[in-house]
Amino acid sequence: MLAICRAPVDEHLPDALAELEAEHLRKIQGAPAPDVLYNNALRDYNAGKYDLSSQEFDNYLKYYGTTLLGGNAQFYMADIEYRQGNFDAAVKDYDKVLEQYPGGVKAAAAQLKKGYALLELGQREAGIRELNGLIARYPRSIEASQARDRMK
């Protein structure tokens, strides 16, 4: 009779595999290390170098989009669009944060800024609906407070 070994399942295995895959891609394609690429992109974003930062975040997503900071990188891509007044693209990119990284730390901020972008586009009903959805989903968050203030 064949015995089946039931080893404990490591709940971090999917993250570890994603990191290994990302490391493999980096070596093959010569991409910078994830922390270097992300930190450079964030530094350039904070310095207002949006074109450069956008390229760096795009590369981060290309090589490391499945890592823990993938949602943050996608958020900053959307925020660059927003800051440059490209509200249609910003809405689409904020949607990517909400759809691809729903449990990420930037989800509430993405929903807030999506609502703002919709308002900027003159889509008042959709913007208010988005802000109300944010308040319902994250009632005690800073973003919910900002949404309430915006709707006053």
N, C-alpha and C. Protein backbone atom coordinates (compact mmCIF):
# COMPACT_ATOMS: atom_id res chain seq x y z
N MET A 1 0.84 -1.18 0.00
CA MET A 1 0.00 0.00 0.00
C MET A 1 0.88 1.24 0.00
N LEU A 2 0.49 2.22 -0.75
CA LEU A 2 1.22 3.47 -0.88
C LEU A 2 0.83 4.43 0.23
N ALA A 3 1.79 4.91 0.95
CA ALA A 3 1.51 5.87 2.03
C ALA A 3 1.62 7.28 1.47
N ILE A 4 0.68 8.11 1.87
CA ILE A 4 0.68 9.50 1.44
C ILE A 4 1.18 10.36 2.58
N CYS A 5 2.18 11.13 2.30
CA CYS A 5 2.74 12.03 3.32
C CYS A 5 1.97 13.34 3.27
N ARG A 6 1.45 13.74 4.37
CA ARG A 6 0.71 15.00 4.46
C ARG A 6 1.54 16.02 5.23
N ALA A 7 2.42 16.68 4.52
CA ALA A 7 3.25 17.71 5.14
C ALA A 7 2.42 18.97 5.33
N PRO A 8 2.73 19.74 6.36
CA PRO A 8 1.99 20.99 6.56
C PRO A 8 2.17 21.91 5.35
N VAL A 9 1.12 22.59 5.01
CA VAL A 9 1.16 23.49 3.86
C VAL A 9 1.66 24.85 4.34
N ASP A 10 2.64 25.36 3.64
CA ASP A 10 3.17 26.68 3.97
C ASP A 10 2.28 27.72 3.30
N GLU A 11 1.59 28.52 4.11
CA GLU A 11 0.66 29.51 3.55
C GLU A 11 1.37 30.61 2.77
N HIS A 12 2.67 30.73 2.93
CA HIS A 12 3.43 31.76 2.21
C HIS A 12 4.04 31.22 0.92
N LEU A 13 3.76 29.96 0.61
CA LEU A 13 4.33 29.33 -0.58
C LEU A 13 4.01 30.09 -1.86
N PRO A 14 2.74 30.51 -2.10
CA PRO A 14 2.47 31.26 -3.35
C PRO A 14 3.31 32.53 -3.46
N ASP A 15 3.49 33.26 -2.36
CA ASP A 15 4.32 34.47 -2.40
C ASP A 15 5.78 34.11 -2.68
N ALA A 16 6.24 33.05 -2.05
CA ALA A 16 7.63 32.64 -2.26
C ALA A 16 7.85 32.22 -3.71
N LEU A 17 6.90 31.49 -4.27
CA LEU A 17 7.02 31.08 -5.68
C LEU A 17 6.99 32.28 -6.61
N ALA A 18 6.14 33.24 -6.32
CA ALA A 18 6.09 34.46 -7.14
C ALA A 18 7.40 35.21 -7.07
N GLU A 19 7.99 35.27 -5.88
CA GLU A 19 9.28 35.95 -5.72
C GLU A 19 10.37 35.22 -6.51
N LEU A 20 10.36 33.88 -6.45
CA LEU A 20 11.35 33.11 -7.20
C LEU A 20 11.19 33.32 -8.70
N GLU A 21 9.95 33.33 -9.16
CA GLU A 21 9.68 33.57 -10.58
C GLU A 21 10.15 34.96 -10.99
N ALA A 22 9.87 35.95 -10.16
CA ALA A 22 10.30 37.31 -10.45
C ALA A 22 11.82 37.40 -10.48
N GLU A 23 12.47 36.75 -9.54
CA GLU A 23 13.94 36.74 -9.50
C GLU A 23 14.50 36.10 -10.76
N HIS A 24 13.87 35.02 -11.21
CA HIS A 24 14.30 34.33 -12.43
C HIS A 24 14.17 35.26 -13.64
N LEU A 25 13.02 35.94 -13.75
CA LEU A 25 12.82 36.87 -14.86
C LEU A 25 13.85 37.99 -14.83
N ARG A 26 14.14 38.50 -13.64
CA ARG A 26 15.10 39.59 -13.51
C ARG A 26 16.46 39.16 -14.03
N LYS A 27 16.87 37.96 -13.66
CA LYS A 27 18.18 37.47 -14.09
C LYS A 27 18.22 37.28 -15.60
N ILE A 28 17.13 36.76 -16.15
CA ILE A 28 17.08 36.51 -17.59
C ILE A 28 17.06 37.83 -18.37
N GLN A 29 16.29 38.78 -17.91
CA GLN A 29 16.08 39.99 -18.69
C GLN A 29 16.87 41.19 -18.20
N GLY A 30 17.67 41.04 -17.17
CA GLY A 30 18.52 42.12 -16.71
C GLY A 30 17.80 43.24 -15.99
N ALA A 31 16.65 42.97 -15.40
CA ALA A 31 15.90 44.00 -14.67
C ALA A 31 16.59 44.29 -13.35
N PRO A 32 16.47 45.53 -12.86
CA PRO A 32 17.02 45.83 -11.54
C PRO A 32 16.29 45.03 -10.46
N ALA A 33 16.90 44.91 -9.31
CA ALA A 33 16.27 44.23 -8.18
C ALA A 33 14.97 44.96 -7.83
N PRO A 34 13.96 44.24 -7.32
CA PRO A 34 12.66 44.85 -7.07
C PRO A 34 12.71 46.05 -6.13
N ASP A 35 13.48 45.94 -5.05
CA ASP A 35 13.53 47.06 -4.10
C ASP A 35 14.19 48.29 -4.71
N VAL A 36 15.20 48.08 -5.52
CA VAL A 36 15.88 49.20 -6.19
C VAL A 36 14.93 49.87 -7.18
N LEU A 37 14.28 49.08 -7.99
CA LEU A 37 13.36 49.62 -9.00
C LEU A 37 12.20 50.37 -8.35
N TYR A 38 11.59 49.78 -7.33
CA TYR A 38 10.46 50.42 -6.65
C TYR A 38 10.90 51.71 -5.96
N ASN A 39 11.99 51.65 -5.23
CA ASN A 39 12.45 52.84 -4.50
C ASN A 39 12.86 53.97 -5.45
N ASN A 40 13.47 53.64 -6.57
CA ASN A 40 13.81 54.66 -7.56
C ASN A 40 12.54 55.29 -8.14
N ALA A 41 11.55 54.46 -8.43
CA ALA A 41 10.29 54.96 -8.98
C ALA A 41 9.59 55.87 -7.97
N LEU A 42 9.57 55.46 -6.72
CA LEU A 42 8.90 56.26 -5.69
C LEU A 42 9.66 57.58 -5.45
N ARG A 43 10.97 57.51 -5.46
CA ARG A 43 11.78 58.73 -5.32
C ARG A 43 11.48 59.72 -6.45
N ASP A 44 11.41 59.22 -7.68
CA ASP A 44 11.14 60.08 -8.82
C ASP A 44 9.71 60.60 -8.79
N TYR A 45 8.77 59.80 -8.33
CA TYR A 45 7.39 60.24 -8.17
C TYR A 45 7.33 61.40 -7.17
N ASN A 46 7.96 61.23 -6.03
CA ASN A 46 7.96 62.27 -5.00
C ASN A 46 8.68 63.54 -5.44
N ALA A 47 9.60 63.41 -6.37
CA ALA A 47 10.32 64.56 -6.92
C ALA A 47 9.57 65.21 -8.08
N GLY A 48 8.41 64.65 -8.44
CA GLY A 48 7.62 65.22 -9.53
C GLY A 48 8.12 64.84 -10.91
N LYS A 49 9.00 63.86 -11.00
CA LYS A 49 9.50 63.38 -12.29
C LYS A 49 8.58 62.27 -12.78
N TYR A 50 7.38 62.68 -13.19
CA TYR A 50 6.32 61.71 -13.46
C TYR A 50 6.58 60.83 -14.67
N ASP A 51 7.18 61.36 -15.72
CA ASP A 51 7.44 60.52 -16.89
C ASP A 51 8.42 59.40 -16.54
N LEU A 52 9.50 59.77 -15.85
CA LEU A 52 10.50 58.79 -15.44
C LEU A 52 9.89 57.80 -14.45
N SER A 53 9.19 58.31 -13.48
CA SER A 53 8.57 57.47 -12.47
C SER A 53 7.57 56.49 -13.10
N SER A 54 6.80 56.96 -14.04
CA SER A 54 5.83 56.11 -14.72
C SER A 54 6.52 54.95 -15.42
N GLN A 55 7.64 55.22 -16.08
CA GLN A 55 8.40 54.17 -16.74
C GLN A 55 8.92 53.15 -15.72
N GLU A 56 9.40 53.67 -14.59
CA GLU A 56 9.96 52.78 -13.57
C GLU A 56 8.86 51.92 -12.93
N PHE A 57 7.71 52.53 -12.61
CA PHE A 57 6.62 51.74 -12.05
C PHE A 57 6.10 50.73 -13.08
N ASP A 58 6.07 51.13 -14.34
CA ASP A 58 5.65 50.21 -15.39
C ASP A 58 6.59 49.00 -15.45
N ASN A 59 7.89 49.25 -15.35
CA ASN A 59 8.86 48.15 -15.33
C ASN A 59 8.69 47.30 -14.08
N TYR A 60 8.41 47.95 -12.96
CA TYR A 60 8.19 47.18 -11.73
C TYR A 60 7.01 46.23 -11.93
N LEU A 61 5.94 46.74 -12.50
CA LEU A 61 4.76 45.90 -12.72
C LEU A 61 5.05 44.78 -13.72
N LYS A 62 5.85 45.08 -14.72
CA LYS A 62 6.19 44.09 -15.73
C LYS A 62 6.98 42.93 -15.12
N TYR A 63 7.93 43.26 -14.27
CA TYR A 63 8.80 42.23 -13.70
C TYR A 63 8.30 41.68 -12.36
N TYR A 64 7.64 42.52 -11.57
CA TYR A 64 7.32 42.14 -10.19
C TYR A 64 5.88 42.44 -9.80
N GLY A 65 4.98 42.46 -10.76
CA GLY A 65 3.59 42.83 -10.51
C GLY A 65 2.86 41.92 -9.54
N THR A 66 3.37 40.72 -9.33
CA THR A 66 2.72 39.79 -8.41
C THR A 66 3.26 39.88 -6.99
N THR A 67 4.19 40.77 -6.75
CA THR A 67 4.75 40.91 -5.41
C THR A 67 3.85 41.80 -4.55
N LEU A 68 4.18 41.91 -3.28
CA LEU A 68 3.36 42.68 -2.34
C LEU A 68 3.24 44.15 -2.73
N LEU A 69 4.24 44.71 -3.37
CA LEU A 69 4.21 46.13 -3.75
C LEU A 69 3.62 46.36 -5.14
N GLY A 70 3.15 45.31 -5.77
CA GLY A 70 2.54 45.47 -7.10
C GLY A 70 1.35 46.41 -7.07
N GLY A 71 0.50 46.30 -6.06
CA GLY A 71 -0.66 47.18 -5.95
C GLY A 71 -0.27 48.62 -5.74
N ASN A 72 0.77 48.85 -4.96
CA ASN A 72 1.26 50.21 -4.75
C ASN A 72 1.77 50.80 -6.06
N ALA A 73 2.53 50.01 -6.80
CA ALA A 73 3.07 50.48 -8.08
C ALA A 73 1.93 50.84 -9.03
N GLN A 74 0.90 50.00 -9.07
CA GLN A 74 -0.25 50.28 -9.94
C GLN A 74 -0.97 51.55 -9.48
N PHE A 75 -1.08 51.74 -8.17
CA PHE A 75 -1.70 52.95 -7.64
C PHE A 75 -0.92 54.19 -8.10
N TYR A 76 0.39 54.15 -7.97
CA TYR A 76 1.18 55.33 -8.36
C TYR A 76 1.10 55.59 -9.86
N MET A 77 0.97 54.53 -10.66
CA MET A 77 0.77 54.73 -12.10
C MET A 77 -0.53 55.52 -12.32
N ALA A 78 -1.58 55.13 -11.61
CA ALA A 78 -2.87 55.83 -11.73
C ALA A 78 -2.76 57.25 -11.21
N ASP A 79 -2.05 57.43 -10.12
CA ASP A 79 -1.94 58.75 -9.53
C ASP A 79 -1.15 59.71 -10.42
N ILE A 80 -0.19 59.19 -11.14
CA ILE A 80 0.54 60.02 -12.10
C ILE A 80 -0.42 60.51 -13.18
N GLU A 81 -1.25 59.61 -13.68
CA GLU A 81 -2.25 60.00 -14.68
C GLU A 81 -3.16 61.09 -14.12
N TYR A 82 -3.60 60.90 -12.89
CA TYR A 82 -4.48 61.88 -12.25
C TYR A 82 -3.79 63.23 -12.13
N ARG A 83 -2.57 63.23 -11.64
CA ARG A 83 -1.83 64.49 -11.45
C ARG A 83 -1.55 65.20 -12.77
N GLN A 84 -1.46 64.45 -13.85
CA GLN A 84 -1.23 65.04 -15.16
C GLN A 84 -2.53 65.43 -15.86
N GLY A 85 -3.66 65.24 -15.17
CA GLY A 85 -4.95 65.63 -15.72
C GLY A 85 -5.54 64.65 -16.71
N ASN A 86 -4.97 63.47 -16.79
CA ASN A 86 -5.48 62.44 -17.69
C ASN A 86 -6.44 61.55 -16.90
N PHE A 87 -7.63 62.09 -16.63
CA PHE A 87 -8.57 61.47 -15.70
C PHE A 87 -9.17 60.16 -16.23
N ASP A 88 -9.39 60.07 -17.54
CA ASP A 88 -9.90 58.81 -18.11
C ASP A 88 -8.93 57.66 -17.84
N ALA A 89 -7.65 57.90 -18.14
CA ALA A 89 -6.64 56.87 -17.90
C ALA A 89 -6.50 56.59 -16.41
N ALA A 90 -6.61 57.62 -15.60
CA ALA A 90 -6.51 57.44 -14.14
C ALA A 90 -7.61 56.52 -13.64
N VAL A 91 -8.84 56.73 -14.10
CA VAL A 91 -9.96 55.88 -13.68
C VAL A 91 -9.65 54.42 -14.02
N LYS A 92 -9.16 54.17 -15.22
CA LYS A 92 -8.84 52.80 -15.65
C LYS A 92 -7.74 52.20 -14.78
N ASP A 93 -6.72 53.01 -14.48
CA ASP A 93 -5.62 52.50 -13.67
C ASP A 93 -6.02 52.31 -12.21
N TYR A 94 -6.86 53.18 -11.67
CA TYR A 94 -7.37 52.95 -10.31
C TYR A 94 -8.22 51.69 -10.27
N ASP A 95 -8.99 51.44 -11.34
CA ASP A 95 -9.76 50.20 -11.42
C ASP A 95 -8.85 48.98 -11.37
N LYS A 96 -7.69 49.05 -11.99
CA LYS A 96 -6.75 47.93 -11.95
C LYS A 96 -6.32 47.66 -10.51
N VAL A 97 -6.09 48.72 -9.74
CA VAL A 97 -5.73 48.53 -8.33
C VAL A 97 -6.86 47.80 -7.61
N LEU A 98 -8.09 48.28 -7.82
CA LEU A 98 -9.24 47.72 -7.13
C LEU A 98 -9.55 46.28 -7.56
N GLU A 99 -9.30 45.96 -8.82
CA GLU A 99 -9.62 44.64 -9.34
C GLU A 99 -8.50 43.63 -9.12
N GLN A 100 -7.25 44.07 -9.33
CA GLN A 100 -6.13 43.13 -9.26
C GLN A 100 -5.50 43.04 -7.87
N TYR A 101 -5.70 44.07 -7.05
CA TYR A 101 -5.10 44.10 -5.71
C TYR A 101 -6.15 44.54 -4.68
N PRO A 102 -7.30 43.87 -4.61
CA PRO A 102 -8.41 44.36 -3.78
C PRO A 102 -8.10 44.42 -2.29
N GLY A 103 -7.19 43.62 -1.81
CA GLY A 103 -6.84 43.64 -0.39
C GLY A 103 -5.60 44.44 -0.09
N GLY A 104 -5.08 45.13 -1.09
CA GLY A 104 -3.85 45.88 -0.92
C GLY A 104 -4.01 47.13 -0.09
N VAL A 105 -2.91 47.66 0.38
CA VAL A 105 -2.94 48.83 1.25
C VAL A 105 -3.39 50.10 0.53
N LYS A 106 -3.36 50.10 -0.78
CA LYS A 106 -3.76 51.27 -1.55
C LYS A 106 -5.19 51.18 -2.09
N ALA A 107 -5.94 50.16 -1.70
CA ALA A 107 -7.29 49.98 -2.25
C ALA A 107 -8.21 51.15 -1.89
N ALA A 108 -8.22 51.57 -0.64
CA ALA A 108 -9.09 52.68 -0.23
C ALA A 108 -8.68 53.98 -0.94
N ALA A 109 -7.39 54.23 -1.01
CA ALA A 109 -6.91 55.44 -1.69
C ALA A 109 -7.26 55.39 -3.17
N ALA A 110 -7.18 54.22 -3.78
CA ALA A 110 -7.52 54.08 -5.20
C ALA A 110 -8.99 54.36 -5.43
N GLN A 111 -9.83 53.88 -4.54
CA GLN A 111 -11.27 54.13 -4.70
C GLN A 111 -11.59 55.61 -4.50
N LEU A 112 -10.94 56.24 -3.55
CA LEU A 112 -11.12 57.67 -3.32
C LEU A 112 -10.72 58.46 -4.57
N LYS A 113 -9.52 58.20 -5.06
CA LYS A 113 -9.03 58.95 -6.21
C LYS A 113 -9.81 58.63 -7.48
N LYS A 114 -10.33 57.42 -7.59
CA LYS A 114 -11.20 57.10 -8.73
C LYS A 114 -12.45 57.96 -8.67
N GLY A 115 -13.02 58.09 -7.48
CA GLY A 115 -14.18 58.96 -7.31
C GLY A 115 -13.87 60.40 -7.69
N TYR A 116 -12.72 60.89 -7.24
CA TYR A 116 -12.30 62.25 -7.58
C TYR A 116 -12.14 62.41 -9.09
N ALA A 117 -11.52 61.41 -9.74
CA ALA A 117 -11.30 61.49 -11.19
C ALA A 117 -12.63 61.51 -11.94
N LEU A 118 -13.57 60.71 -11.49
CA LEU A 118 -14.90 60.72 -12.11
C LEU A 118 -15.57 62.09 -11.96
N LEU A 119 -15.42 62.69 -10.79
CA LEU A 119 -15.96 64.04 -10.59
C LEU A 119 -15.28 65.04 -11.52
N GLU A 120 -13.98 64.92 -11.68
CA GLU A 120 -13.24 65.81 -12.58
C GLU A 120 -13.71 65.65 -14.02
N LEU A 121 -14.15 64.46 -14.38
CA LEU A 121 -14.65 64.20 -15.73
C LEU A 121 -16.09 64.66 -15.92
N GLY A 122 -16.67 65.21 -14.85
CA GLY A 122 -18.06 65.66 -14.93
C GLY A 122 -19.06 64.54 -14.75
N GLN A 123 -18.60 63.39 -14.32
CA GLN A 123 -19.47 62.24 -14.09
C GLN A 123 -19.86 62.22 -12.61
N ARG A 124 -20.65 63.22 -12.24
CA ARG A 124 -20.98 63.43 -10.82
C ARG A 124 -21.65 62.22 -10.18
N GLU A 125 -22.63 61.66 -10.83
CA GLU A 125 -23.35 60.52 -10.25
C GLU A 125 -22.41 59.34 -9.99
N ALA A 126 -21.58 59.02 -10.97
CA ALA A 126 -20.64 57.91 -10.82
C ALA A 126 -19.60 58.22 -9.75
N GLY A 127 -19.13 59.46 -9.71
CA GLY A 127 -18.15 59.85 -8.70
C GLY A 127 -18.70 59.76 -7.29
N ILE A 128 -19.92 60.26 -7.10
CA ILE A 128 -20.57 60.19 -5.79
C ILE A 128 -20.82 58.73 -5.40
N ARG A 129 -21.24 57.92 -6.35
CA ARG A 129 -21.46 56.49 -6.09
C ARG A 129 -20.15 55.82 -5.63
N GLU A 130 -19.05 56.18 -6.27
CA GLU A 130 -17.74 55.61 -5.90
C GLU A 130 -17.34 56.05 -4.49
N LEU A 131 -17.53 57.33 -4.19
CA LEU A 131 -17.18 57.84 -2.87
C LEU A 131 -18.07 57.22 -1.79
N ASN A 132 -19.36 57.06 -2.08
CA ASN A 132 -20.26 56.40 -1.12
C ASN A 132 -19.87 54.93 -0.92
N GLY A 133 -19.44 54.28 -1.99
CA GLY A 133 -18.97 52.90 -1.88
C GLY A 133 -17.74 52.80 -0.99
N LEU A 134 -16.86 53.77 -1.13
CA LEU A 134 -15.66 53.83 -0.28
C LEU A 134 -16.05 53.99 1.18
N ILE A 135 -16.97 54.90 1.46
CA ILE A 135 -17.42 55.14 2.83
C ILE A 135 -18.04 53.88 3.42
N ALA A 136 -18.82 53.18 2.62
CA ALA A 136 -19.45 51.94 3.10
C ALA A 136 -18.41 50.85 3.37
N ARG A 137 -17.41 50.79 2.51
CA ARG A 137 -16.41 49.72 2.62
C ARG A 137 -15.36 49.99 3.68
N TYR A 138 -14.96 51.25 3.82
CA TYR A 138 -13.91 51.64 4.78
C TYR A 138 -14.41 52.80 5.63
N PRO A 139 -15.44 52.61 6.44
CA PRO A 139 -16.11 53.74 7.12
C PRO A 139 -15.22 54.55 8.06
N ARG A 140 -14.23 53.96 8.65
CA ARG A 140 -13.40 54.67 9.63
C ARG A 140 -12.05 55.10 9.08
N SER A 141 -11.88 54.98 7.79
CA SER A 141 -10.58 55.32 7.18
C SER A 141 -10.45 56.82 6.94
N ILE A 142 -9.23 57.24 6.80
CA ILE A 142 -8.94 58.63 6.44
C ILE A 142 -9.57 58.96 5.09
N GLU A 143 -9.52 57.99 4.17
CA GLU A 143 -10.09 58.19 2.84
C GLU A 143 -11.60 58.40 2.91
N ALA A 144 -12.27 57.69 3.81
CA ALA A 144 -13.72 57.89 3.97
C ALA A 144 -14.01 59.29 4.47
N SER A 145 -13.19 59.78 5.39
CA SER A 145 -13.35 61.15 5.89
C SER A 145 -13.15 62.16 4.77
N GLN A 146 -12.15 61.91 3.93
CA GLN A 146 -11.90 62.81 2.79
C GLN A 146 -13.06 62.75 1.80
N ALA A 147 -13.62 61.57 1.60
CA ALA A 147 -14.76 61.44 0.69
C ALA A 147 -15.96 62.21 1.21
N ARG A 148 -16.21 62.11 2.52
CA ARG A 148 -17.32 62.86 3.12
C ARG A 148 -17.11 64.36 2.94
N ASP A 149 -15.90 64.82 3.17
CA ASP A 149 -15.60 66.25 3.01
C ASP A 149 -15.80 66.70 1.56
N ARG A 150 -15.42 65.89 0.62
CA ARG A 150 -15.55 66.24 -0.80
C ARG A 150 -17.01 66.35 -1.22
N MET A 151 -17.86 65.54 -0.59
CA MET A 151 -19.27 65.54 -0.98
C MET A 151 -20.10 66.61 -0.27
N LYS A 152 -19.51 67.35 0.63
CA LYS A 152 -20.26 68.41 1.35
C LYS A 152 -20.58 69.56 0.44
